[in-house]
């Protein structure tokens, strides 16, 4: 790699997604030794040879870093992309972190969804909830943003239903709730900054191509 080449920077959503992304990149020969050190206090990790940088961020911040060009490439769940609504190109569905965004609640709430009644919806994803009820179902609802266990909403009488991510549905079942309507499938996605896509077209397209071939 030539000395004056600029770095391509990746922002990865902390936790399972980052780990799976790094495993996937390793499969196509992209590694970052520095990140394997569990004790490190570093925030930015570099692969000098390939001129790549990596940093970990909270999921909702990943699209922000990418939109503003602080990262060229981001990997984050589709739920975050929908909720944050940032400008970036979504280039790949990485196929892991699969789950669904659903409307859930007690069996008794199924009727309320049918009759377009004014209901209360609790969610960590107010934007997704609003888009679904207002634009797809044309139902006026009262949306309450929660940050913690949204399953509590219907149990304590705060809301009639919730909009949340469902993986196995076991948490719902344990709390007497069920999936009432499915909003959309979710999984990890790769996004690219709009300017980077033009400026670093060859390197980024090559990376996307190699990942696509592997997947």
N, C-alpha and C. Protein backbone atom coordinates (compact mmCIF):
# COMPACT_ATOMS: atom_id res chain seq x y z
N UNK A 1 0.85 -1.20 0.00
CA UNK A 1 0.00 0.00 0.00
C UNK A 1 0.89 1.25 0.00
N UNK A 2 0.52 2.25 -0.78
CA UNK A 2 1.37 3.45 -0.85
C UNK A 2 1.25 4.27 0.43
N UNK A 3 2.32 4.97 0.74
CA UNK A 3 2.41 5.73 2.00
C UNK A 3 1.33 6.80 2.13
N UNK A 4 1.02 7.45 1.01
CA UNK A 4 0.10 8.60 1.09
C UNK A 4 -1.37 8.22 0.97
N UNK A 5 -1.65 6.93 1.00
CA UNK A 5 -3.05 6.51 0.92
C UNK A 5 -3.78 6.89 2.20
N UNK A 6 -5.01 7.37 2.07
CA UNK A 6 -5.73 7.71 3.29
C UNK A 6 -6.32 6.44 3.91
N UNK A 7 -6.59 6.53 5.19
CA UNK A 7 -7.18 5.39 5.89
C UNK A 7 -8.65 5.31 5.57
N UNK A 8 -9.16 4.10 5.54
CA UNK A 8 -10.61 3.92 5.48
C UNK A 8 -11.01 3.52 6.91
N UNK A 9 -11.98 4.23 7.44
CA UNK A 9 -12.37 4.05 8.84
C UNK A 9 -13.71 3.36 8.98
N UNK A 10 -13.73 2.36 9.86
CA UNK A 10 -14.95 1.60 10.16
C UNK A 10 -15.47 1.98 11.54
N UNK A 11 -16.78 2.23 11.65
CA UNK A 11 -17.43 2.39 12.96
C UNK A 11 -18.29 1.14 13.17
N UNK A 12 -18.02 0.42 14.24
CA UNK A 12 -18.76 -0.81 14.50
C UNK A 12 -19.60 -0.67 15.77
N UNK A 13 -20.84 -1.18 15.71
CA UNK A 13 -21.70 -1.14 16.90
C UNK A 13 -21.15 -2.09 17.95
N UNK A 14 -20.90 -1.56 19.14
CA UNK A 14 -20.33 -2.34 20.26
C UNK A 14 -21.10 -3.61 20.52
N UNK A 15 -20.38 -4.62 21.00
CA UNK A 15 -21.05 -5.85 21.44
C UNK A 15 -21.01 -6.94 20.39
N UNK A 16 -22.09 -7.71 20.34
CA UNK A 16 -22.13 -8.88 19.45
C UNK A 16 -21.92 -8.54 17.99
N UNK A 17 -22.51 -7.42 17.55
CA UNK A 17 -22.37 -7.06 16.13
C UNK A 17 -20.92 -6.81 15.76
N UNK A 18 -20.19 -6.11 16.63
CA UNK A 18 -18.78 -5.81 16.35
C UNK A 18 -17.99 -7.11 16.26
N UNK A 19 -18.24 -8.01 17.21
CA UNK A 19 -17.51 -9.27 17.23
C UNK A 19 -17.78 -10.06 15.95
N UNK A 20 -19.04 -10.14 15.57
CA UNK A 20 -19.39 -10.89 14.36
C UNK A 20 -18.84 -10.23 13.10
N UNK A 21 -18.82 -8.90 13.10
CA UNK A 21 -18.29 -8.17 11.94
C UNK A 21 -16.80 -8.44 11.79
N UNK A 22 -16.08 -8.40 12.91
CA UNK A 22 -14.62 -8.65 12.87
C UNK A 22 -14.34 -10.09 12.44
N UNK A 23 -15.16 -11.03 12.90
CA UNK A 23 -15.00 -12.43 12.46
C UNK A 23 -15.20 -12.54 10.95
N UNK A 24 -16.21 -11.83 10.46
CA UNK A 24 -16.52 -11.86 9.03
C UNK A 24 -15.38 -11.23 8.21
N UNK A 25 -14.89 -10.07 8.66
CA UNK A 25 -13.80 -9.40 7.95
C UNK A 25 -12.54 -10.28 7.94
N UNK A 26 -12.31 -10.99 9.05
CA UNK A 26 -11.14 -11.87 9.13
C UNK A 26 -11.20 -12.96 8.05
N UNK A 27 -12.44 -13.39 7.73
CA UNK A 27 -12.62 -14.42 6.71
C UNK A 27 -12.15 -13.95 5.33
N UNK A 28 -12.18 -12.63 5.10
CA UNK A 28 -11.70 -12.14 3.80
C UNK A 28 -10.33 -11.47 3.95
N UNK A 29 -9.64 -11.82 5.04
CA UNK A 29 -8.26 -11.37 5.20
C UNK A 29 -8.06 -10.00 5.82
N UNK A 30 -9.14 -9.43 6.39
CA UNK A 30 -9.00 -8.13 7.04
C UNK A 30 -9.03 -8.33 8.55
N UNK A 31 -7.86 -8.11 9.18
CA UNK A 31 -7.81 -8.32 10.63
C UNK A 31 -7.29 -7.06 11.30
N UNK A 32 -7.48 -7.01 12.60
CA UNK A 32 -6.93 -5.90 13.37
C UNK A 32 -6.45 -6.44 14.70
N UNK A 33 -5.16 -6.75 14.76
CA UNK A 33 -4.55 -7.37 15.94
C UNK A 33 -4.79 -6.57 17.21
N UNK A 34 -4.68 -5.24 17.09
CA UNK A 34 -4.84 -4.37 18.27
C UNK A 34 -6.14 -4.59 19.01
N UNK A 35 -7.18 -4.97 18.27
CA UNK A 35 -8.50 -5.10 18.89
C UNK A 35 -8.61 -6.37 19.73
N UNK A 36 -7.67 -7.28 19.56
CA UNK A 36 -7.74 -8.54 20.30
C UNK A 36 -7.29 -8.40 21.74
N UNK A 37 -6.62 -7.30 22.05
CA UNK A 37 -6.15 -7.06 23.40
C UNK A 37 -7.32 -6.61 24.28
N UNK A 38 -7.75 -7.51 25.15
CA UNK A 38 -8.95 -7.23 25.98
C UNK A 38 -8.71 -6.12 27.02
N UNK A 39 -7.45 -5.89 27.37
CA UNK A 39 -7.14 -4.90 28.41
C UNK A 39 -6.97 -3.48 27.87
N UNK A 40 -6.97 -3.35 26.56
CA UNK A 40 -6.62 -2.06 25.96
C UNK A 40 -7.58 -0.92 26.34
N UNK A 41 -7.02 0.28 26.41
CA UNK A 41 -7.83 1.48 26.67
C UNK A 41 -7.99 2.29 25.40
N UNK A 42 -7.42 1.78 24.33
CA UNK A 42 -7.46 2.51 23.06
C UNK A 42 -8.89 2.67 22.56
N UNK A 43 -9.11 3.74 21.83
CA UNK A 43 -10.44 3.96 21.24
C UNK A 43 -10.40 3.70 19.74
N UNK A 44 -9.23 3.90 19.14
CA UNK A 44 -9.11 3.71 17.69
C UNK A 44 -8.04 2.66 17.42
N UNK A 45 -8.36 1.72 16.57
CA UNK A 45 -7.46 0.61 16.27
C UNK A 45 -7.06 0.68 14.81
N UNK A 46 -5.78 0.42 14.54
CA UNK A 46 -5.26 0.63 13.20
C UNK A 46 -4.65 -0.63 12.61
N UNK A 47 -4.90 -0.85 11.33
CA UNK A 47 -4.16 -1.85 10.57
C UNK A 47 -3.34 -1.06 9.56
N UNK A 48 -2.07 -0.82 9.90
CA UNK A 48 -1.18 0.03 9.08
C UNK A 48 -1.02 -0.52 7.67
N UNK A 49 -0.88 -1.83 7.62
CA UNK A 49 -0.59 -2.49 6.35
C UNK A 49 -1.71 -2.25 5.32
N UNK A 50 -2.95 -2.39 5.80
CA UNK A 50 -4.09 -2.23 4.89
C UNK A 50 -4.66 -0.81 4.90
N UNK A 51 -4.07 0.06 5.71
CA UNK A 51 -4.54 1.44 5.85
C UNK A 51 -6.02 1.47 6.25
N UNK A 52 -6.31 0.77 7.35
CA UNK A 52 -7.68 0.74 7.87
C UNK A 52 -7.68 1.14 9.33
N UNK A 53 -8.73 1.82 9.73
CA UNK A 53 -8.91 2.15 11.15
C UNK A 53 -10.28 1.63 11.57
N UNK A 54 -10.38 1.26 12.85
CA UNK A 54 -11.64 0.76 13.40
C UNK A 54 -11.92 1.44 14.72
N UNK A 55 -13.18 1.76 14.99
CA UNK A 55 -13.54 2.15 16.35
C UNK A 55 -14.91 1.61 16.69
N UNK A 56 -15.14 1.43 17.99
CA UNK A 56 -16.42 0.91 18.48
C UNK A 56 -17.26 2.06 18.98
N UNK A 57 -18.55 2.00 18.71
CA UNK A 57 -19.44 3.07 19.15
C UNK A 57 -20.77 2.47 19.58
N UNK A 58 -21.54 3.23 20.35
CA UNK A 58 -22.90 2.79 20.69
C UNK A 58 -23.68 2.75 19.38
N UNK A 59 -24.51 1.73 19.24
CA UNK A 59 -25.24 1.53 17.98
C UNK A 59 -25.91 2.80 17.43
N UNK A 60 -26.66 3.57 18.23
CA UNK A 60 -27.34 4.73 17.65
C UNK A 60 -26.39 5.79 17.09
N UNK A 61 -25.12 5.77 17.53
CA UNK A 61 -24.16 6.77 17.05
C UNK A 61 -23.49 6.37 15.74
N UNK A 62 -23.52 5.08 15.41
CA UNK A 62 -22.82 4.62 14.20
C UNK A 62 -23.30 5.35 12.94
N UNK A 63 -24.63 5.44 12.69
CA UNK A 63 -25.06 6.15 11.48
C UNK A 63 -24.66 7.62 11.48
N UNK A 64 -24.54 8.22 12.67
CA UNK A 64 -24.14 9.63 12.77
C UNK A 64 -22.68 9.80 12.34
N UNK A 65 -21.82 8.93 12.85
CA UNK A 65 -20.41 8.98 12.44
C UNK A 65 -20.27 8.82 10.93
N UNK A 66 -21.09 7.93 10.35
CA UNK A 66 -21.01 7.68 8.91
C UNK A 66 -21.57 8.85 8.11
N UNK A 67 -22.72 9.38 8.54
CA UNK A 67 -23.31 10.51 7.79
C UNK A 67 -22.34 11.69 7.72
N UNK A 68 -21.67 11.97 8.83
CA UNK A 68 -20.78 13.14 8.87
C UNK A 68 -19.36 12.85 8.40
N UNK A 69 -19.12 11.62 7.95
CA UNK A 69 -17.82 11.31 7.38
C UNK A 69 -16.70 11.04 8.38
N UNK A 70 -17.05 10.93 9.67
CA UNK A 70 -16.04 10.58 10.68
C UNK A 70 -15.68 9.10 10.52
N UNK A 71 -16.60 8.34 9.93
CA UNK A 71 -16.32 6.95 9.54
C UNK A 71 -16.76 6.83 8.08
N UNK A 72 -16.00 6.06 7.31
CA UNK A 72 -16.39 5.82 5.91
C UNK A 72 -17.44 4.73 5.83
N UNK A 73 -17.27 3.73 6.71
CA UNK A 73 -18.13 2.55 6.68
C UNK A 73 -18.64 2.28 8.10
N UNK A 74 -19.89 1.86 8.19
CA UNK A 74 -20.45 1.51 9.50
C UNK A 74 -21.14 0.16 9.42
N UNK A 75 -21.18 -0.53 10.55
CA UNK A 75 -21.96 -1.77 10.62
C UNK A 75 -22.88 -1.67 11.84
N UNK A 76 -24.18 -1.80 11.58
CA UNK A 76 -25.17 -1.60 12.64
C UNK A 76 -26.47 -2.30 12.24
N UNK A 77 -27.33 -2.53 13.22
CA UNK A 77 -28.61 -3.19 12.94
C UNK A 77 -29.56 -2.30 12.14
N UNK A 78 -30.39 -2.94 11.33
CA UNK A 78 -31.38 -2.22 10.53
C UNK A 78 -32.33 -1.40 11.41
N UNK A 79 -32.61 -1.90 12.63
CA UNK A 79 -33.49 -1.17 13.55
C UNK A 79 -32.92 0.23 13.84
N UNK A 80 -31.59 0.28 14.04
CA UNK A 80 -30.94 1.57 14.33
C UNK A 80 -30.99 2.49 13.11
N UNK A 81 -30.81 1.92 11.92
CA UNK A 81 -30.86 2.75 10.70
C UNK A 81 -32.25 3.36 10.54
N UNK A 82 -33.27 2.56 10.78
CA UNK A 82 -34.65 3.05 10.65
C UNK A 82 -34.95 4.11 11.70
N UNK A 83 -34.48 3.88 12.92
CA UNK A 83 -34.79 4.80 14.01
C UNK A 83 -34.02 6.11 13.89
N UNK A 84 -32.76 6.03 13.48
CA UNK A 84 -31.92 7.24 13.43
C UNK A 84 -32.16 8.06 12.16
N UNK A 85 -32.55 7.39 11.08
CA UNK A 85 -32.87 8.09 9.84
C UNK A 85 -31.75 8.96 9.29
N UNK A 86 -30.50 8.49 9.38
CA UNK A 86 -29.36 9.27 8.89
C UNK A 86 -29.13 9.01 7.41
N UNK A 87 -28.41 9.96 6.77
CA UNK A 87 -28.10 9.79 5.35
C UNK A 87 -26.84 8.97 5.17
N UNK A 88 -26.97 7.84 4.49
CA UNK A 88 -25.82 6.99 4.16
C UNK A 88 -26.33 5.94 3.17
N UNK A 89 -25.40 5.35 2.42
CA UNK A 89 -25.81 4.27 1.51
C UNK A 89 -25.81 2.96 2.28
N UNK A 90 -26.92 2.24 2.19
CA UNK A 90 -26.95 0.90 2.78
C UNK A 90 -26.52 -0.05 1.67
N UNK A 91 -25.37 -0.71 1.85
CA UNK A 91 -24.79 -1.47 0.74
C UNK A 91 -24.89 -2.99 0.89
N UNK A 92 -24.97 -3.49 2.11
CA UNK A 92 -24.98 -4.94 2.30
C UNK A 92 -25.81 -5.36 3.50
N UNK A 93 -26.54 -6.46 3.32
CA UNK A 93 -27.18 -7.12 4.45
C UNK A 93 -26.21 -8.22 4.86
N UNK A 94 -25.64 -8.11 6.05
CA UNK A 94 -24.61 -9.06 6.47
C UNK A 94 -25.18 -10.39 6.97
N UNK A 95 -26.51 -10.41 7.14
CA UNK A 95 -27.17 -11.68 7.42
C UNK A 95 -27.12 -12.18 8.85
N UNK A 96 -26.34 -11.51 9.73
CA UNK A 96 -26.37 -11.94 11.13
C UNK A 96 -27.14 -10.95 11.97
N UNK A 97 -27.37 -11.29 13.25
CA UNK A 97 -28.19 -10.42 14.10
C UNK A 97 -29.63 -10.39 13.63
N UNK A 98 -30.07 -11.52 13.05
CA UNK A 98 -31.43 -11.58 12.51
C UNK A 98 -32.49 -11.56 13.60
N UNK A 99 -33.48 -10.70 13.43
CA UNK A 99 -34.62 -10.66 14.34
C UNK A 99 -35.75 -9.90 13.64
N UNK A 100 -36.82 -9.57 14.36
CA UNK A 100 -37.95 -8.88 13.74
C UNK A 100 -38.40 -7.72 14.62
N UNK A 101 -38.88 -6.68 13.99
CA UNK A 101 -39.50 -5.59 14.75
C UNK A 101 -41.00 -5.90 14.73
N UNK A 102 -41.59 -5.94 15.92
CA UNK A 102 -42.99 -6.36 16.01
C UNK A 102 -43.81 -5.49 16.95
N UNK A 103 -45.12 -5.56 16.76
CA UNK A 103 -46.06 -5.00 17.73
C UNK A 103 -46.43 -6.17 18.63
N UNK A 104 -46.22 -6.02 19.93
CA UNK A 104 -46.50 -7.11 20.86
C UNK A 104 -47.42 -6.61 21.97
N UNK A 105 -48.08 -7.55 22.60
CA UNK A 105 -48.95 -7.18 23.70
C UNK A 105 -49.70 -8.39 24.19
N UNK A 106 -50.61 -8.20 25.14
CA UNK A 106 -51.44 -9.32 25.58
C UNK A 106 -52.44 -9.67 24.48
N UNK A 107 -52.90 -10.90 24.49
CA UNK A 107 -53.88 -11.37 23.50
C UNK A 107 -55.04 -10.38 23.35
N UNK A 108 -55.48 -9.81 24.48
CA UNK A 108 -56.64 -8.91 24.47
C UNK A 108 -56.42 -7.64 23.64
N UNK A 109 -55.15 -7.30 23.38
CA UNK A 109 -54.88 -6.06 22.63
C UNK A 109 -55.04 -6.25 21.12
N UNK A 110 -55.16 -7.52 20.68
CA UNK A 110 -55.29 -7.80 19.24
C UNK A 110 -56.51 -7.08 18.67
N UNK A 111 -57.60 -7.04 19.44
CA UNK A 111 -58.83 -6.38 18.99
C UNK A 111 -58.62 -4.88 18.79
N UNK A 112 -57.86 -4.27 19.72
CA UNK A 112 -57.63 -2.82 19.63
C UNK A 112 -56.89 -2.46 18.35
N UNK A 113 -56.05 -3.37 17.88
CA UNK A 113 -55.29 -3.11 16.65
C UNK A 113 -56.18 -3.20 15.42
N UNK A 114 -57.21 -4.02 15.53
CA UNK A 114 -58.12 -4.20 14.39
C UNK A 114 -59.02 -3.00 14.17
N UNK A 115 -59.44 -2.39 15.30
CA UNK A 115 -60.49 -1.38 15.18
C UNK A 115 -60.00 0.06 15.16
N UNK A 116 -58.69 0.22 14.90
CA UNK A 116 -58.14 1.58 14.81
C UNK A 116 -58.47 2.45 16.01
N UNK A 117 -58.48 1.83 17.17
CA UNK A 117 -58.76 2.63 18.37
C UNK A 117 -57.54 3.43 18.77
N UNK A 118 -57.78 4.48 19.52
CA UNK A 118 -56.68 5.29 20.02
C UNK A 118 -56.01 4.49 21.14
N UNK A 119 -54.81 4.01 20.88
CA UNK A 119 -54.14 3.19 21.90
C UNK A 119 -52.79 3.79 22.26
N UNK A 120 -52.25 3.30 23.38
CA UNK A 120 -50.93 3.75 23.80
C UNK A 120 -49.88 2.69 23.44
N UNK A 121 -48.79 3.15 22.83
CA UNK A 121 -47.73 2.27 22.36
C UNK A 121 -46.42 2.66 23.04
N UNK A 122 -45.81 1.73 23.76
CA UNK A 122 -44.51 2.02 24.39
C UNK A 122 -43.41 1.41 23.53
N UNK A 123 -42.31 2.16 23.36
CA UNK A 123 -41.23 1.65 22.53
C UNK A 123 -39.92 2.39 22.76
N UNK A 124 -38.81 1.65 22.52
CA UNK A 124 -37.49 2.28 22.47
C UNK A 124 -37.32 2.91 21.10
N UNK A 125 -38.23 2.59 20.19
CA UNK A 125 -38.13 3.01 18.78
C UNK A 125 -39.34 3.85 18.37
N UNK A 126 -39.47 5.06 18.94
CA UNK A 126 -40.66 5.87 18.66
C UNK A 126 -40.83 6.20 17.17
N UNK A 127 -39.71 6.37 16.48
CA UNK A 127 -39.79 6.74 15.06
C UNK A 127 -40.35 5.58 14.22
N UNK A 128 -39.86 4.37 14.50
CA UNK A 128 -40.35 3.19 13.78
C UNK A 128 -41.83 2.96 14.11
N UNK A 129 -42.17 3.10 15.40
CA UNK A 129 -43.56 2.90 15.83
C UNK A 129 -44.48 3.91 15.14
N UNK A 130 -44.04 5.16 15.11
CA UNK A 130 -44.86 6.21 14.51
C UNK A 130 -45.07 5.97 13.01
N UNK A 131 -43.97 5.63 12.35
CA UNK A 131 -44.06 5.38 10.91
C UNK A 131 -45.02 4.23 10.62
N UNK A 132 -44.93 3.18 11.42
CA UNK A 132 -45.79 2.01 11.20
C UNK A 132 -47.26 2.34 11.42
N UNK A 133 -47.57 2.94 12.57
CA UNK A 133 -48.98 3.20 12.88
C UNK A 133 -49.58 4.32 12.02
N UNK A 134 -48.81 5.40 11.82
CA UNK A 134 -49.36 6.54 11.10
C UNK A 134 -49.36 6.34 9.59
N UNK A 135 -48.25 5.81 9.06
CA UNK A 135 -48.14 5.73 7.60
C UNK A 135 -48.59 4.41 6.99
N UNK A 136 -48.46 3.32 7.75
CA UNK A 136 -48.86 2.03 7.17
C UNK A 136 -50.27 1.63 7.60
N UNK A 137 -50.59 1.88 8.88
CA UNK A 137 -51.89 1.45 9.38
C UNK A 137 -52.91 2.59 9.43
N UNK A 138 -52.42 3.80 9.27
CA UNK A 138 -53.29 4.99 9.37
C UNK A 138 -54.11 4.96 10.66
N UNK A 139 -53.41 4.68 11.73
CA UNK A 139 -54.05 4.63 13.05
C UNK A 139 -53.35 5.65 13.96
N UNK A 140 -54.16 6.49 14.59
CA UNK A 140 -53.59 7.48 15.50
C UNK A 140 -53.34 6.83 16.85
N UNK A 141 -52.10 6.94 17.31
CA UNK A 141 -51.75 6.32 18.58
C UNK A 141 -50.95 7.30 19.43
N UNK A 142 -50.85 6.98 20.69
CA UNK A 142 -50.07 7.79 21.62
C UNK A 142 -48.77 7.01 21.85
N UNK A 143 -47.64 7.55 21.41
CA UNK A 143 -46.38 6.82 21.53
C UNK A 143 -45.58 7.30 22.73
N UNK A 144 -45.18 6.35 23.57
CA UNK A 144 -44.42 6.67 24.77
C UNK A 144 -43.03 6.07 24.65
N UNK A 145 -42.00 6.91 24.73
CA UNK A 145 -40.64 6.38 24.61
C UNK A 145 -40.15 5.83 25.95
N UNK A 146 -39.67 4.60 25.90
CA UNK A 146 -39.06 3.98 27.08
C UNK A 146 -37.62 3.60 26.71
N UNK A 147 -36.75 3.55 27.70
CA UNK A 147 -35.36 3.17 27.43
C UNK A 147 -35.03 1.77 27.92
N UNK A 148 -35.80 1.30 28.88
CA UNK A 148 -35.50 -0.01 29.47
C UNK A 148 -36.39 -1.12 28.97
N UNK A 149 -36.73 -2.04 29.85
CA UNK A 149 -37.56 -3.21 29.47
C UNK A 149 -38.95 -2.76 29.07
N UNK A 150 -39.17 -2.67 27.78
CA UNK A 150 -40.48 -2.19 27.31
C UNK A 150 -41.61 -3.17 27.62
N UNK A 151 -41.25 -4.45 27.86
CA UNK A 151 -42.29 -5.45 28.18
C UNK A 151 -43.11 -5.02 29.39
N UNK A 152 -42.50 -4.20 30.24
CA UNK A 152 -43.21 -3.73 31.43
C UNK A 152 -44.42 -2.89 31.06
N UNK A 153 -44.34 -2.18 29.93
CA UNK A 153 -45.41 -1.26 29.52
C UNK A 153 -46.82 -1.80 29.71
N UNK A 154 -47.15 -2.90 28.99
CA UNK A 154 -48.51 -3.45 29.11
C UNK A 154 -48.77 -4.10 30.47
N UNK A 155 -47.72 -4.62 31.11
CA UNK A 155 -47.90 -5.32 32.38
C UNK A 155 -48.31 -4.37 33.50
N UNK A 156 -47.70 -3.17 33.50
CA UNK A 156 -48.04 -2.21 34.57
C UNK A 156 -49.13 -1.22 34.15
N UNK A 157 -49.65 -1.42 32.92
CA UNK A 157 -50.74 -0.56 32.47
C UNK A 157 -50.31 0.78 31.90
N UNK A 158 -49.03 0.91 31.55
CA UNK A 158 -48.55 2.15 30.94
C UNK A 158 -49.01 2.23 29.48
N UNK A 159 -48.98 1.07 28.81
CA UNK A 159 -49.36 1.06 27.39
C UNK A 159 -50.21 -0.16 27.08
N UNK A 160 -50.92 -0.09 25.93
CA UNK A 160 -51.72 -1.24 25.48
C UNK A 160 -50.82 -2.26 24.80
N UNK A 161 -49.89 -1.75 23.98
CA UNK A 161 -48.97 -2.62 23.24
C UNK A 161 -47.57 -2.02 23.28
N UNK A 162 -46.60 -2.80 22.77
CA UNK A 162 -45.24 -2.28 22.63
C UNK A 162 -44.77 -2.53 21.20
N UNK A 163 -43.79 -1.76 20.77
CA UNK A 163 -43.11 -2.04 19.50
C UNK A 163 -41.68 -2.34 19.90
N UNK A 164 -41.23 -3.57 19.60
CA UNK A 164 -39.90 -3.97 20.05
C UNK A 164 -39.32 -5.03 19.14
N UNK A 165 -38.02 -5.29 19.37
CA UNK A 165 -37.32 -6.33 18.63
C UNK A 165 -37.65 -7.68 19.26
N UNK A 166 -37.96 -8.65 18.40
CA UNK A 166 -38.24 -10.00 18.87
C UNK A 166 -37.24 -10.95 18.22
N UNK A 167 -36.51 -11.70 19.08
CA UNK A 167 -35.59 -12.72 18.54
C UNK A 167 -36.27 -14.07 18.64
N UNK A 168 -36.41 -14.57 19.86
CA UNK A 168 -37.04 -15.89 20.02
C UNK A 168 -38.48 -15.78 20.52
N UNK A 169 -38.79 -14.68 21.18
CA UNK A 169 -40.14 -14.51 21.71
C UNK A 169 -40.30 -15.08 23.11
N UNK A 170 -39.21 -15.64 23.68
CA UNK A 170 -39.34 -16.27 25.00
C UNK A 170 -39.58 -15.25 26.11
N UNK A 171 -38.96 -14.06 26.00
CA UNK A 171 -39.20 -13.02 27.02
C UNK A 171 -40.67 -12.61 27.01
N UNK A 172 -41.22 -12.49 25.81
CA UNK A 172 -42.64 -12.13 25.69
C UNK A 172 -43.51 -13.17 26.38
N UNK A 173 -43.24 -14.43 26.01
CA UNK A 173 -44.04 -15.54 26.54
C UNK A 173 -44.01 -15.56 28.07
N UNK A 174 -42.82 -15.38 28.63
CA UNK A 174 -42.67 -15.40 30.09
C UNK A 174 -43.50 -14.31 30.75
N UNK A 175 -43.77 -13.24 30.00
CA UNK A 175 -44.51 -12.12 30.56
C UNK A 175 -45.95 -12.03 30.06
N UNK A 176 -46.42 -13.13 29.49
CA UNK A 176 -47.81 -13.19 29.03
C UNK A 176 -48.12 -12.32 27.83
N UNK A 177 -47.09 -12.02 27.05
CA UNK A 177 -47.29 -11.21 25.85
C UNK A 177 -47.00 -12.04 24.61
N UNK A 178 -47.47 -11.56 23.46
CA UNK A 178 -47.19 -12.28 22.22
C UNK A 178 -47.05 -11.30 21.05
N UNK A 179 -46.50 -11.79 19.96
CA UNK A 179 -46.39 -10.96 18.75
C UNK A 179 -47.79 -10.83 18.15
N UNK A 180 -48.22 -9.58 17.96
CA UNK A 180 -49.55 -9.35 17.39
C UNK A 180 -49.45 -8.97 15.92
N UNK A 181 -48.42 -8.25 15.56
CA UNK A 181 -48.20 -7.86 14.16
C UNK A 181 -46.69 -7.73 13.92
N UNK A 182 -46.28 -8.13 12.72
CA UNK A 182 -44.86 -7.99 12.38
C UNK A 182 -44.67 -6.74 11.54
N UNK A 183 -43.68 -5.92 11.94
CA UNK A 183 -43.43 -4.67 11.19
C UNK A 183 -42.41 -4.91 10.08
N UNK A 184 -41.25 -5.47 10.43
CA UNK A 184 -40.24 -5.75 9.40
C UNK A 184 -39.14 -6.66 9.93
N UNK A 185 -38.46 -7.37 9.01
CA UNK A 185 -37.31 -8.18 9.42
C UNK A 185 -36.09 -7.28 9.64
N UNK A 186 -35.22 -7.68 10.55
CA UNK A 186 -34.02 -6.89 10.85
C UNK A 186 -32.78 -7.77 10.79
N UNK A 187 -31.64 -7.14 10.52
CA UNK A 187 -30.35 -7.83 10.57
C UNK A 187 -29.26 -6.77 10.49
N UNK A 188 -28.02 -7.19 10.61
CA UNK A 188 -26.90 -6.25 10.55
C UNK A 188 -26.69 -5.76 9.12
N UNK A 189 -26.46 -4.47 8.97
CA UNK A 189 -26.26 -3.89 7.63
C UNK A 189 -24.95 -3.12 7.59
N UNK A 190 -24.36 -3.07 6.40
CA UNK A 190 -23.18 -2.24 6.20
C UNK A 190 -23.61 -0.97 5.49
N UNK A 191 -23.18 0.17 6.03
CA UNK A 191 -23.52 1.45 5.42
C UNK A 191 -22.24 2.19 5.06
N UNK A 192 -22.34 3.06 4.05
CA UNK A 192 -21.16 3.80 3.58
C UNK A 192 -21.50 5.29 3.45
N UNK A 193 -20.55 6.11 3.86
CA UNK A 193 -20.70 7.56 3.73
C UNK A 193 -20.82 7.92 2.24
N UNK A 194 -21.69 8.89 1.93
CA UNK A 194 -21.98 9.21 0.53
C UNK A 194 -20.77 9.77 -0.21
N UNK A 195 -19.96 10.57 0.46
CA UNK A 195 -18.78 11.15 -0.19
C UNK A 195 -17.69 10.08 -0.34
N UNK A 196 -17.50 9.28 0.71
CA UNK A 196 -16.49 8.21 0.66
C UNK A 196 -16.75 7.27 -0.51
N UNK A 197 -18.03 7.02 -0.79
CA UNK A 197 -18.40 6.11 -1.86
C UNK A 197 -17.86 6.62 -3.20
N UNK A 198 -17.79 7.95 -3.34
CA UNK A 198 -17.26 8.53 -4.59
C UNK A 198 -15.73 8.60 -4.52
N UNK A 199 -15.21 9.14 -3.41
CA UNK A 199 -13.77 9.38 -3.28
C UNK A 199 -12.94 8.09 -3.21
N UNK A 200 -13.49 7.10 -2.54
CA UNK A 200 -12.75 5.84 -2.35
C UNK A 200 -13.49 4.69 -3.02
N UNK A 201 -14.09 5.00 -4.16
CA UNK A 201 -14.96 4.03 -4.83
C UNK A 201 -14.30 2.67 -5.02
N UNK A 202 -13.06 2.67 -5.52
CA UNK A 202 -12.41 1.39 -5.85
C UNK A 202 -12.20 0.52 -4.62
N UNK A 203 -11.63 1.11 -3.57
CA UNK A 203 -11.33 0.33 -2.37
C UNK A 203 -12.61 -0.15 -1.68
N UNK A 204 -13.61 0.73 -1.61
CA UNK A 204 -14.84 0.35 -0.93
C UNK A 204 -15.63 -0.69 -1.74
N UNK A 205 -15.68 -0.50 -3.06
CA UNK A 205 -16.41 -1.45 -3.89
C UNK A 205 -15.75 -2.82 -3.89
N UNK A 206 -14.41 -2.81 -3.83
CA UNK A 206 -13.65 -4.07 -3.77
C UNK A 206 -14.00 -4.81 -2.47
N UNK A 207 -14.07 -4.07 -1.38
CA UNK A 207 -14.41 -4.66 -0.08
C UNK A 207 -15.83 -5.24 -0.10
N UNK A 208 -16.77 -4.47 -0.63
CA UNK A 208 -18.17 -4.92 -0.70
C UNK A 208 -18.25 -6.18 -1.56
N UNK A 209 -17.51 -6.15 -2.67
CA UNK A 209 -17.53 -7.29 -3.60
C UNK A 209 -17.01 -8.55 -2.89
N UNK A 210 -15.91 -8.41 -2.16
CA UNK A 210 -15.33 -9.57 -1.48
C UNK A 210 -16.25 -10.10 -0.38
N UNK A 211 -16.88 -9.20 0.33
CA UNK A 211 -17.83 -9.63 1.36
C UNK A 211 -19.03 -10.34 0.73
N UNK A 212 -19.51 -9.75 -0.36
CA UNK A 212 -20.69 -10.33 -1.03
C UNK A 212 -20.37 -11.73 -1.53
N UNK A 213 -19.17 -11.89 -2.11
CA UNK A 213 -18.75 -13.21 -2.60
C UNK A 213 -18.72 -14.21 -1.44
N UNK A 214 -18.17 -13.77 -0.30
CA UNK A 214 -18.06 -14.67 0.84
C UNK A 214 -19.44 -15.04 1.38
N UNK A 215 -20.30 -14.03 1.49
CA UNK A 215 -21.64 -14.27 2.05
C UNK A 215 -22.48 -15.13 1.12
